[in-house]
């Protein structure tokens, strides 16, 4: 499922007023165009940055915000007040605006021209107090936004803007995402469920179930020639175990996964879906649980959730959009089992089959093994390790009265030894600040056993995304203290109860 971030736009909007006269306003526009061009050409900002005329009146601002709402490819605004822009001018526009907003607090010049500074310079370069006026009205109006401070050419400023634009792209995609749920969720499981109607009201996310028979019909109609072509692709991309090669015991099992992949892909493309879920408790008409098929569909950009977990199917898709073009992949993930040796406690993350190969290191092995549960044929799957380095696990849960986003920053590490008998893809990590604190905080917060895992993103992306979505966000990282974290959760309970009255 192709993801083209450059097709999306963020509008660069500069505030001023008629008071300054045409010469100053001309200079403001020139500076704004230069900054826009610089941002648009910077590889760390993946979307198109579009210059908009300098805002000088309430009507101009209101009309711009209306236009932004209506523009399908506009995913947000960056605002900056080069001079002083009286904030009452912005009220009606900001009341109307439905797109994410980043407030850039910068200045055209980096250094003061100590020997030449005069009142003309002072009147032109007034962001130091112009942006404070601009900030007041958004705070007064309780408008959620990101504030980035610093010189516009500084790497940190560019990186933070890039992060925000990626989060805005993820949020844009999330609002129109459609998740196909093949079957229901795993029976008696709580955390994979949730209020799908509330999710659509809150996010725009659409989740609907389809009988397994609906997809089986499409799978059964896949042509053998198409399967032949896909199996040939498998042989080029992966190390196929001997038992899965043509003429061997499990070659038909590999071909069946190709059939499943082609069938599900056709179904998803026809319905314009962003992701899907399966469950091993509802495989009627299928001889295998989709394993390799789910892995490869994730690798092409689809979100996926096992056991009917639609929330994490949607989150995997969102993280894939945000991480497009960055080093490191994204996958559905599960905290599976622990290494509790006091010399180095670690989490082994995996799933029965469905881990995305975009997070793999080296050439993946294509193997066929019995599933162990479900009573179906042995499914083909990709087996690989995950490279070392920083990563995040993100979990979206339904708290009943709101949605909560939980992020744990983790550090992926090498296994202490080979795991030749473990026939699934796996990642090994140390939660921050350590396993005891990280796991306890996760459990206090109600985090799911399923997550969206990414080595391309850090926690800031998910914080920005959560603020755009208007949901609670908690982060478990290097500075997390359980006592303070429990207080944060309690304060959040109070805030979200009271916030409904704002």
Protein backbone atom coordinates (compact mmCIF):
# COMPACT_ATOMS: atom_id res chain seq x y z
CA UNK A 1 0.00 0.00 0.00
CA UNK A 2 1.95 2.98 -1.31
CA UNK A 3 2.66 5.87 1.05
CA UNK A 4 3.69 9.16 -0.64
CA UNK A 5 4.34 11.83 1.99
CA UNK A 6 5.42 14.40 -0.60
CA UNK A 7 1.84 14.49 -1.89
CA UNK A 8 0.82 16.03 1.44
CA UNK A 9 1.09 19.73 2.27
CA UNK A 10 1.78 21.81 5.35
CA UNK A 11 1.01 25.51 4.90
CA UNK A 12 3.50 28.09 6.18
CA UNK A 13 1.51 31.05 7.52
CA UNK A 14 3.08 34.29 8.75
CA UNK A 15 1.22 36.80 10.88
CA UNK A 16 1.61 40.58 10.71
CA UNK A 17 -0.69 43.61 10.32
CA UNK A 18 -1.25 46.63 8.03
CA UNK A 19 0.27 48.97 10.64
CA UNK A 20 3.79 48.33 9.37
CA UNK A 21 3.21 49.61 5.83
CA UNK A 22 3.92 48.04 2.43
CA UNK A 23 7.72 48.05 2.55
CA UNK A 24 7.93 46.16 5.82
CA UNK A 25 5.17 43.75 4.76
CA UNK A 26 7.01 43.09 1.51
CA UNK A 27 10.13 42.22 3.47
CA UNK A 28 8.10 39.96 5.81
CA UNK A 29 6.74 38.08 2.77
CA UNK A 30 10.23 37.70 1.26
CA UNK A 31 11.60 36.29 4.48
CA UNK A 32 8.64 33.92 4.84
CA UNK A 33 9.07 32.66 1.28
CA UNK A 34 12.76 32.04 1.91
CA UNK A 35 12.03 30.03 5.05
CA UNK A 36 9.30 28.08 3.25
CA UNK A 37 11.65 27.19 0.39
CA UNK A 38 14.35 26.13 2.84
CA UNK A 39 11.99 23.84 4.74
CA UNK A 40 10.45 22.41 1.57
CA UNK A 41 13.86 21.47 0.19
CA UNK A 42 15.13 19.89 3.41
CA UNK A 43 15.15 16.09 3.33
CA UNK A 44 14.31 15.89 7.04
CA UNK A 45 10.89 17.42 6.34
CA UNK A 46 9.17 14.79 4.16
CA UNK A 47 6.01 16.69 3.16
CA UNK A 48 5.58 19.70 0.88
CA UNK A 49 5.81 23.05 2.68
CA UNK A 50 3.63 25.65 0.95
CA UNK A 51 4.00 29.43 1.33
CA UNK A 52 0.82 31.35 2.05
CA UNK A 53 0.42 35.16 1.84
CA UNK A 54 1.16 37.17 4.98
CA UNK A 55 -1.92 37.41 7.21
CA UNK A 56 -2.85 41.03 7.98
CA UNK A 57 -6.55 40.99 8.90
CA UNK A 58 -9.22 38.85 10.60
CA UNK A 59 -10.92 38.04 7.28
CA UNK A 60 -7.68 36.85 5.69
CA UNK A 61 -6.97 34.56 8.63
CA UNK A 62 -10.50 33.17 8.78
CA UNK A 63 -10.61 32.50 5.05
CA UNK A 64 -7.23 30.78 5.18
CA UNK A 65 -8.36 28.47 7.98
CA UNK A 66 -11.54 27.61 6.07
CA UNK A 67 -9.46 26.87 2.98
CA UNK A 68 -7.09 24.68 5.01
CA UNK A 69 -9.99 22.66 6.36
CA UNK A 70 -11.32 22.10 2.85
CA UNK A 71 -7.98 21.27 1.23
CA UNK A 72 -7.80 17.47 1.12
CA UNK A 73 -4.01 17.34 0.94
CA UNK A 74 -3.36 19.98 3.62
CA UNK A 75 -2.41 18.15 6.82
CA UNK A 76 -1.54 21.12 9.02
CA UNK A 77 -0.33 24.69 9.45
CA UNK A 78 2.96 26.18 10.65
CA UNK A 79 2.39 29.68 12.01
CA UNK A 80 4.95 32.37 12.80
CA UNK A 81 4.55 36.01 13.72
CA UNK A 82 7.48 37.82 12.09
CA UNK A 83 6.16 41.11 13.48
CA UNK A 84 3.38 41.80 15.94
CA UNK A 85 0.08 40.23 14.84
CA UNK A 86 -2.74 41.22 17.23
CA UNK A 87 -4.24 37.97 18.41
CA UNK A 88 -7.88 39.05 18.32
CA UNK A 89 -7.48 38.89 14.54
CA UNK A 90 -6.88 35.15 14.86
CA UNK A 91 -9.86 34.20 17.04
CA UNK A 92 -12.46 33.39 14.39
CA UNK A 93 -9.97 31.59 12.20
CA UNK A 94 -8.61 29.48 15.03
CA UNK A 95 -12.15 28.65 16.14
CA UNK A 96 -12.72 27.28 12.65
CA UNK A 97 -9.43 25.45 12.13
CA UNK A 98 -9.62 21.66 12.21
CA UNK A 99 -6.06 20.87 11.12
CA UNK A 100 -3.02 20.37 13.39
CA UNK A 101 -0.94 23.46 14.13
CA UNK A 102 2.73 24.01 14.87
CA UNK A 103 3.76 27.38 16.27
CA UNK A 104 7.29 28.17 15.13
CA UNK A 105 8.96 30.71 17.42
CA UNK A 106 11.92 31.87 15.39
CA UNK A 107 13.50 34.98 13.91
CA UNK A 108 14.66 35.62 10.35
CA UNK A 109 18.14 36.68 11.46
CA UNK A 110 20.10 34.53 13.86
CA UNK A 111 22.37 37.22 15.34
CA UNK A 112 21.71 40.79 16.34
CA UNK A 113 23.58 43.26 14.09
CA UNK A 114 25.18 44.93 17.07
CA UNK A 115 26.77 47.87 15.25
CA UNK A 116 23.85 48.61 12.90
CA UNK A 117 20.74 47.79 14.94
CA UNK A 118 18.15 50.58 14.77
CA UNK A 119 14.41 50.99 15.15
CA UNK A 120 13.74 49.82 11.57
CA UNK A 121 15.38 46.51 12.47
CA UNK A 122 13.44 46.35 15.73
CA UNK A 123 10.10 47.03 14.01
CA UNK A 124 10.71 44.33 11.41
CA UNK A 125 12.00 41.58 13.71
CA UNK A 126 9.43 41.36 16.49
CA UNK A 127 8.83 37.62 16.88
CA UNK A 128 10.16 37.82 20.43
CA UNK A 129 6.91 39.45 21.48
CA UNK A 130 4.75 38.87 18.39
CA UNK A 131 4.80 35.13 19.02
CA UNK A 132 3.96 35.66 22.67
CA UNK A 133 0.80 37.47 21.64
CA UNK A 134 0.09 34.64 19.21
CA UNK A 135 0.72 32.05 21.91
CA UNK A 136 -1.57 33.75 24.38
CA UNK A 137 -4.66 33.49 22.24
CA UNK A 138 -4.13 29.79 21.55
CA UNK A 139 -3.62 29.12 25.25
CA UNK A 140 -6.67 31.23 26.07
CA UNK A 141 -8.68 29.23 23.52
CA UNK A 142 -7.31 25.89 24.81
CA UNK A 143 -5.89 25.06 21.38
CA UNK A 144 -3.52 22.11 21.32
CA UNK A 145 -0.42 22.78 19.25
CA UNK A 146 3.31 22.12 19.15
CA UNK A 147 5.70 24.97 19.93
CA UNK A 148 9.19 24.80 18.40
CA UNK A 149 11.71 27.45 19.47
CA UNK A 150 15.02 28.28 17.81
CA UNK A 151 16.69 29.62 14.70
CA UNK A 152 14.96 28.23 11.61
CA UNK A 153 18.16 26.83 10.09
CA UNK A 154 19.23 24.95 13.24
CA UNK A 155 19.24 21.15 12.87
CA UNK A 156 17.21 20.62 16.04
CA UNK A 157 14.47 22.97 14.81
CA UNK A 158 14.35 21.23 11.42
CA UNK A 159 14.26 17.77 13.04
CA UNK A 160 11.41 18.71 15.38
CA UNK A 161 9.41 20.20 12.53
CA UNK A 162 10.08 17.04 10.52
CA UNK A 163 8.86 14.92 13.42
CA UNK A 164 5.67 16.96 13.68
CA UNK A 165 4.97 16.77 9.95
CA UNK A 166 5.34 12.99 10.06
CA UNK A 167 2.96 12.82 13.00
CA UNK A 168 0.52 15.03 11.07
CA UNK A 169 0.78 12.67 8.10
CA UNK A 170 0.04 9.73 10.39
CA UNK A 171 -2.94 11.55 11.89
CA UNK A 172 -4.21 12.52 8.42
CA UNK A 173 -4.07 8.87 7.33
CA UNK A 174 -5.56 7.62 10.63
CA UNK A 175 -8.67 9.77 10.25
CA UNK A 176 -9.63 8.08 6.99
CA UNK A 177 -8.26 4.62 7.78
CA UNK A 178 -10.44 1.55 7.25
CA UNK A 179 -9.66 -1.68 9.10
CA UNK A 180 -11.10 -4.99 7.87
CA UNK A 181 -11.65 -7.41 10.72
CA UNK A 182 -11.74 -11.02 9.50
CA UNK A 183 -13.67 -12.72 12.26
CA UNK A 184 -13.94 -11.30 15.77
CA UNK A 185 -11.39 -10.88 18.54
CA UNK A 186 -9.95 -13.75 20.54
CA UNK A 187 -12.66 -14.97 22.89
CA UNK A 188 -12.78 -13.61 26.45
CA UNK A 189 -9.89 -11.19 25.85
CA UNK A 190 -10.53 -7.66 27.11
CA UNK A 191 -7.76 -5.41 25.85
CA UNK A 192 -8.13 -6.24 22.15
CA UNK A 193 -11.74 -5.09 22.30
CA UNK A 194 -12.94 -1.50 22.54
CA UNK A 195 -15.63 0.91 21.46
CA UNK A 196 -15.41 1.00 17.67
CA UNK A 197 -18.16 3.61 17.41
CA UNK A 198 -16.35 5.92 19.80
CA UNK A 199 -13.14 5.34 17.86
CA UNK A 200 -14.84 6.52 14.69
CA UNK A 201 -16.29 9.55 16.47
CA UNK A 202 -12.94 10.42 18.03
CA UNK A 203 -10.55 9.51 15.24
CA UNK A 204 -12.53 9.00 12.03
CA UNK A 205 -11.17 5.44 12.02
CA UNK A 206 -13.61 2.92 10.54
CA UNK A 207 -13.54 -0.70 11.77
CA UNK A 208 -15.88 -3.32 10.34
CA UNK A 209 -15.99 -7.11 10.55
CA UNK A 210 -16.18 -9.53 7.64
CA UNK A 211 -16.97 -13.20 7.80
CA UNK A 212 -14.00 -15.44 7.15
CA UNK A 213 -16.04 -16.88 4.30
CA UNK A 214 -15.86 -13.50 2.55
CA UNK A 215 -12.10 -13.71 2.32
CA UNK A 216 -11.96 -17.48 1.74
CA UNK A 217 -14.00 -17.02 -1.45
CA UNK A 218 -11.45 -14.54 -2.80
CA UNK A 219 -8.50 -16.69 -1.70
CA UNK A 220 -9.88 -19.79 -3.38
CA UNK A 221 -10.26 -17.93 -6.69
CA UNK A 222 -6.59 -16.86 -6.90
CA UNK A 223 -5.02 -18.13 -10.11
CA UNK A 224 -2.18 -20.68 -9.97
CA UNK A 225 -0.13 -18.54 -12.37
CA UNK A 226 -0.22 -15.66 -9.90
CA UNK A 227 0.87 -18.01 -7.12
CA UNK A 228 3.77 -19.26 -9.28
CA UNK A 229 4.94 -15.69 -9.83
CA UNK A 230 4.76 -14.81 -6.13
CA UNK A 231 6.56 -17.99 -5.01
CA UNK A 232 9.34 -17.10 -7.45
CA UNK A 233 9.56 -13.71 -5.72
CA UNK A 234 9.84 -15.48 -2.36
CA UNK A 235 12.81 -17.47 -3.67
CA UNK A 236 14.57 -14.27 -4.72
CA UNK A 237 13.97 -12.41 -1.46
CA UNK A 238 14.30 -15.07 1.24
CA UNK A 239 16.31 -18.10 2.25
CA UNK A 240 13.75 -20.87 1.77
CA UNK A 241 14.31 -23.86 4.01
CA UNK A 242 14.81 -27.13 2.16
CA UNK A 243 11.45 -28.50 3.31
CA UNK A 244 9.67 -25.57 1.66
CA UNK A 245 11.35 -25.80 -1.74
CA UNK A 246 9.62 -27.22 -4.85
CA UNK A 247 9.03 -30.94 -4.55
CA UNK A 248 9.71 -31.00 -0.82
CA UNK A 249 7.34 -31.84 2.03
CA UNK A 250 6.10 -28.35 2.79
CA UNK A 251 6.25 -26.62 -0.60
CA UNK A 252 2.46 -26.68 -0.89
CA UNK A 253 2.28 -24.94 2.49
CA UNK A 254 4.41 -22.12 1.07
CA UNK A 255 2.19 -21.93 -2.00
CA UNK A 256 -0.89 -21.76 0.20
CA UNK A 257 0.51 -18.73 2.06
CA UNK A 258 1.08 -17.10 -1.33
CA UNK A 259 -2.55 -17.81 -2.16
CA UNK A 260 -3.65 -16.22 1.12
CA UNK A 261 -1.45 -13.17 0.52
CA UNK A 262 -2.81 -12.59 -2.97
CA UNK A 263 -6.41 -13.06 -1.82
CA UNK A 264 -6.21 -10.76 1.19
CA UNK A 265 -4.32 -8.14 -0.84
CA UNK A 266 -7.03 -8.21 -3.49
CA UNK A 267 -9.74 -7.84 -0.83
CA UNK A 268 -7.95 -4.93 0.88
CA UNK A 269 -7.25 -3.11 -2.37
CA UNK A 270 -10.85 -3.47 -3.56
CA UNK A 271 -12.19 -2.09 -0.28
CA UNK A 272 -9.47 0.60 0.08
CA UNK A 273 -8.56 -0.73 3.50
CA UNK A 274 -5.56 0.48 5.50
CA UNK A 275 -5.18 -2.63 7.62
CA UNK A 276 -6.74 -5.86 8.78
CA UNK A 277 -6.99 -8.34 11.64
CA UNK A 278 -7.21 -12.12 11.86
CA UNK A 279 -7.74 -14.57 14.69
CA UNK A 280 -6.65 -18.19 14.99
CA UNK A 281 -9.99 -18.96 16.70
CA UNK A 282 -11.85 -18.26 13.46
CA UNK A 283 -10.17 -19.91 10.47
CA UNK A 284 -13.20 -21.68 9.03
CA UNK A 285 -12.45 -22.49 5.39
CA UNK A 286 -8.71 -21.75 5.71
CA UNK A 287 -6.22 -24.57 6.11
CA UNK A 288 -3.57 -22.29 7.67
CA UNK A 289 -3.42 -19.20 9.83
CA UNK A 290 -2.12 -16.34 7.65
CA UNK A 291 1.53 -16.06 8.65
CA UNK A 292 3.87 -15.20 5.80
CA UNK A 293 0.90 -13.48 4.14
CA UNK A 294 0.35 -11.15 7.11
CA UNK A 295 4.08 -10.43 7.36
CA UNK A 296 4.37 -9.43 3.73
CA UNK A 297 1.20 -7.35 3.73
CA UNK A 298 2.58 -5.40 6.69
CA UNK A 299 5.84 -4.94 4.82
CA UNK A 300 3.94 -3.31 1.94
CA UNK A 301 2.34 -0.76 4.29
CA UNK A 302 -0.79 -2.37 5.71
CA UNK A 303 -1.55 -2.29 9.41
CA UNK A 304 -2.11 -5.63 11.11
CA UNK A 305 -3.44 -6.85 14.43
CA UNK A 306 -3.68 -10.45 15.62
CA UNK A 307 -6.65 -11.92 17.49
CA UNK A 308 -8.94 -9.20 16.16
CA UNK A 309 -6.89 -6.36 17.67
CA UNK A 310 -8.13 -3.51 15.49
CA UNK A 311 -6.58 -0.75 17.63
CA UNK A 312 -3.06 -2.02 17.03
CA UNK A 313 -3.74 -2.76 13.37
CA UNK A 314 -4.58 0.93 13.07
CA UNK A 315 -1.52 1.96 15.08
CA UNK A 316 0.85 -0.19 13.00
CA UNK A 317 -0.48 1.56 9.90
CA UNK A 318 -0.08 5.00 11.52
CA UNK A 319 3.52 4.29 12.54
CA UNK A 320 4.30 3.00 9.06
CA UNK A 321 3.03 6.26 7.56
CA UNK A 322 5.04 8.34 10.04
CA UNK A 323 8.20 6.32 9.44
CA UNK A 324 8.07 6.32 5.64
CA UNK A 325 11.58 6.75 4.26
CA UNK A 326 13.31 6.59 7.63
CA UNK A 327 15.84 3.96 8.61
CA UNK A 328 14.20 1.17 10.58
CA UNK A 329 10.89 -0.59 10.21
CA UNK A 330 7.61 -1.03 12.07
CA UNK A 331 5.69 -4.13 13.09
CA UNK A 332 2.87 -5.54 15.10
CA UNK A 333 4.51 -6.87 18.26
CA UNK A 334 3.81 -8.71 21.49
CA UNK A 335 5.72 -8.90 24.76
CA UNK A 336 6.04 -12.66 24.77
CA UNK A 337 8.43 -13.88 27.47
CA UNK A 338 11.15 -12.61 29.84
CA UNK A 339 14.83 -13.19 30.59
CA UNK A 340 14.91 -12.36 34.32
CA UNK A 341 18.59 -12.92 34.99
CA UNK A 342 19.63 -10.09 37.35
CA UNK A 343 22.74 -9.56 35.23
CA UNK A 344 20.58 -8.36 32.34
CA UNK A 345 16.78 -8.54 32.36
CA UNK A 346 15.25 -8.46 28.90
CA UNK A 347 11.99 -8.90 27.00
CA UNK A 348 11.70 -11.33 24.10
CA UNK A 349 9.15 -9.89 21.72
CA UNK A 350 7.52 -12.03 19.06
CA UNK A 351 4.20 -13.45 17.97
CA UNK A 352 3.02 -16.80 16.74
CA UNK A 353 3.86 -15.78 13.16
CA UNK A 354 3.08 -12.18 12.31
CA UNK A 355 6.15 -9.95 12.71
CA UNK A 356 6.90 -7.55 9.85
CA UNK A 357 10.17 -8.17 7.97
CA UNK A 358 10.85 -4.43 7.73
CA UNK A 359 12.34 -4.70 11.23
CA UNK A 360 14.51 -7.70 10.32
CA UNK A 361 18.27 -7.87 10.06
CA UNK A 362 19.79 -9.63 7.08
CA UNK A 363 18.04 -12.01 4.72
CA UNK A 364 15.02 -13.62 6.36
CA UNK A 365 14.52 -17.37 6.37
CA UNK A 366 11.27 -18.77 5.03
CA UNK A 367 10.36 -21.79 7.12
CA UNK A 368 7.35 -24.04 7.70
CA UNK A 369 6.51 -25.35 11.16
CA UNK A 370 3.41 -26.58 12.99
CA UNK A 371 1.54 -23.80 14.76
CA UNK A 372 0.98 -25.79 17.94
CA UNK A 373 -2.54 -24.45 18.47
CA UNK A 374 -5.68 -24.09 16.34
CA UNK A 375 -5.67 -27.50 14.71
CA UNK A 376 -4.63 -26.27 11.24
CA UNK A 377 -1.86 -27.11 8.80
CA UNK A 378 1.70 -25.93 9.42
CA UNK A 379 1.99 -22.35 8.12
CA UNK A 380 4.95 -20.77 6.34
CA UNK A 381 6.52 -17.79 8.01
CA UNK A 382 9.62 -15.57 7.91
CA UNK A 383 12.15 -16.05 10.70
CA UNK A 384 14.70 -13.35 11.56
CA UNK A 385 16.28 -11.31 14.33
CA UNK A 386 15.95 -7.56 14.88
CA UNK A 387 19.02 -5.30 14.85
CA UNK A 388 20.23 -3.53 17.96
CA UNK A 389 19.36 0.09 18.66
CA UNK A 390 16.64 2.33 20.11
CA UNK A 391 12.97 1.56 19.49
CA UNK A 392 9.52 2.23 20.87
CA UNK A 393 6.51 0.14 21.77
CA UNK A 394 3.22 2.06 21.46
CA UNK A 395 -0.10 0.84 22.78
CA UNK A 396 -3.56 2.39 22.27
CA UNK A 397 -6.11 1.30 24.86
CA UNK A 398 -9.77 2.06 25.55
CA UNK A 399 -10.18 3.35 29.12
CA UNK A 400 -13.97 3.44 28.91
CA UNK A 401 -14.25 7.23 29.15
CA UNK A 402 -11.31 7.99 26.83
CA UNK A 403 -8.48 6.50 24.82
CA UNK A 404 -4.97 6.36 26.29
CA UNK A 405 -1.72 6.13 24.36
CA UNK A 406 1.18 4.47 26.18
CA UNK A 407 4.73 4.53 24.83
CA UNK A 408 7.74 2.72 26.26
CA UNK A 409 11.14 3.63 24.88
CA UNK A 410 13.29 0.49 24.66
CA UNK A 411 16.79 -0.53 23.59
CA UNK A 412 17.07 -3.55 21.32
CA UNK A 413 19.99 -5.84 22.15
CA UNK A 414 21.60 -9.01 20.86
CA UNK A 415 20.43 -12.37 22.24
CA UNK A 416 22.72 -13.95 24.81
CA UNK A 417 22.81 -17.04 22.60
CA UNK A 418 21.32 -18.40 19.39
CA UNK A 419 17.72 -19.65 19.44
CA UNK A 420 17.79 -22.36 16.74
CA UNK A 421 14.57 -24.01 17.91
CA UNK A 422 12.44 -20.84 17.97
CA UNK A 423 10.64 -20.83 14.59
CA UNK A 424 9.39 -17.23 14.63
CA UNK A 425 10.73 -13.74 14.03
CA UNK A 426 11.81 -12.12 17.29
CA UNK A 427 13.13 -8.96 18.87
CA UNK A 428 15.00 -8.69 22.16
CA UNK A 429 14.97 -5.45 24.11
CA UNK A 430 15.58 -3.82 27.48
CA UNK A 431 12.70 -1.52 28.46
CA UNK A 432 13.63 1.91 29.75
CA UNK A 433 14.52 2.65 32.47
CA UNK A 434 14.81 -1.10 33.17
CA UNK A 435 12.56 -4.13 32.99
CA UNK A 436 11.22 -3.91 36.55
CA UNK A 437 10.23 -0.25 36.37
CA UNK A 438 9.22 -0.33 32.72
CA UNK A 439 6.97 -3.37 33.08
CA UNK A 440 5.43 -2.11 36.31
CA UNK A 441 4.65 1.28 34.77
CA UNK A 442 3.17 -0.41 31.70
CA UNK A 443 0.92 -2.56 33.86
CA UNK A 444 -0.15 0.39 36.04
CA UNK A 445 -1.08 2.27 32.85
CA UNK A 446 -3.09 -0.68 31.52
CA UNK A 447 -0.91 -1.19 28.45
CA UNK A 448 -1.85 -4.03 26.13
CA UNK A 449 0.25 -7.14 25.52
CA UNK A 450 0.11 -6.14 21.85
CA UNK A 451 1.97 -3.07 20.60
CA UNK A 452 3.05 -1.21 17.50
CA UNK A 453 6.84 -1.51 17.49
CA UNK A 454 9.14 0.85 15.58
CA UNK A 455 12.86 1.37 15.23
CA UNK A 456 12.28 4.32 12.89
CA UNK A 457 10.46 6.55 15.40
CA UNK A 458 10.94 7.84 18.93
CA UNK A 459 8.42 8.87 21.56
CA UNK A 460 8.14 12.47 20.31
CA UNK A 461 6.35 11.33 17.15
CA UNK A 462 3.69 9.54 19.17
CA UNK A 463 3.32 12.44 21.61
CA UNK A 464 2.68 14.80 18.69
CA UNK A 465 0.24 12.32 17.14
CA UNK A 466 -1.63 11.90 20.45
CA UNK A 467 -2.01 15.64 20.89
CA UNK A 468 -3.41 15.97 17.38
CA UNK A 469 -5.86 13.18 18.18
CA UNK A 470 -6.78 14.82 21.48
CA UNK A 471 -6.07 11.74 23.58
CA UNK A 472 -4.14 11.01 26.75
CA UNK A 473 -0.45 10.24 26.33
CA UNK A 474 1.96 8.72 28.85
CA UNK A 475 5.60 7.92 28.25
CA UNK A 476 7.77 5.37 30.05
CA UNK A 477 11.42 6.28 29.53
CA UNK A 478 14.80 6.77 31.16
CA UNK A 479 13.47 9.18 33.79
CA UNK A 480 10.37 7.21 34.79
CA UNK A 481 9.84 6.82 38.52
CA UNK A 482 6.97 4.56 39.59
CA UNK A 483 5.82 6.87 42.39
CA UNK A 484 5.66 9.87 40.08
CA UNK A 485 4.17 7.81 37.25
CA UNK A 486 1.28 6.65 39.44
CA UNK A 487 0.64 10.27 40.39
CA UNK A 488 0.59 11.22 36.70
CA UNK A 489 -2.02 8.56 36.01
CA UNK A 490 -4.17 9.82 38.91
CA UNK A 491 -3.85 13.43 37.77
CA UNK A 492 -4.81 12.39 34.27
CA UNK A 493 -7.95 10.71 35.61
CA UNK A 494 -8.95 13.99 37.22
CA UNK A 495 -8.04 16.09 34.19
CA UNK A 496 -10.00 14.01 31.69
CA UNK A 497 -13.01 13.90 33.99
CA UNK A 498 -12.96 17.69 34.33
CA UNK A 499 -11.97 18.43 30.73
CA UNK A 500 -15.37 17.34 29.45
CA UNK A 501 -16.74 20.46 31.09
CA UNK A 502 -14.33 22.84 29.37
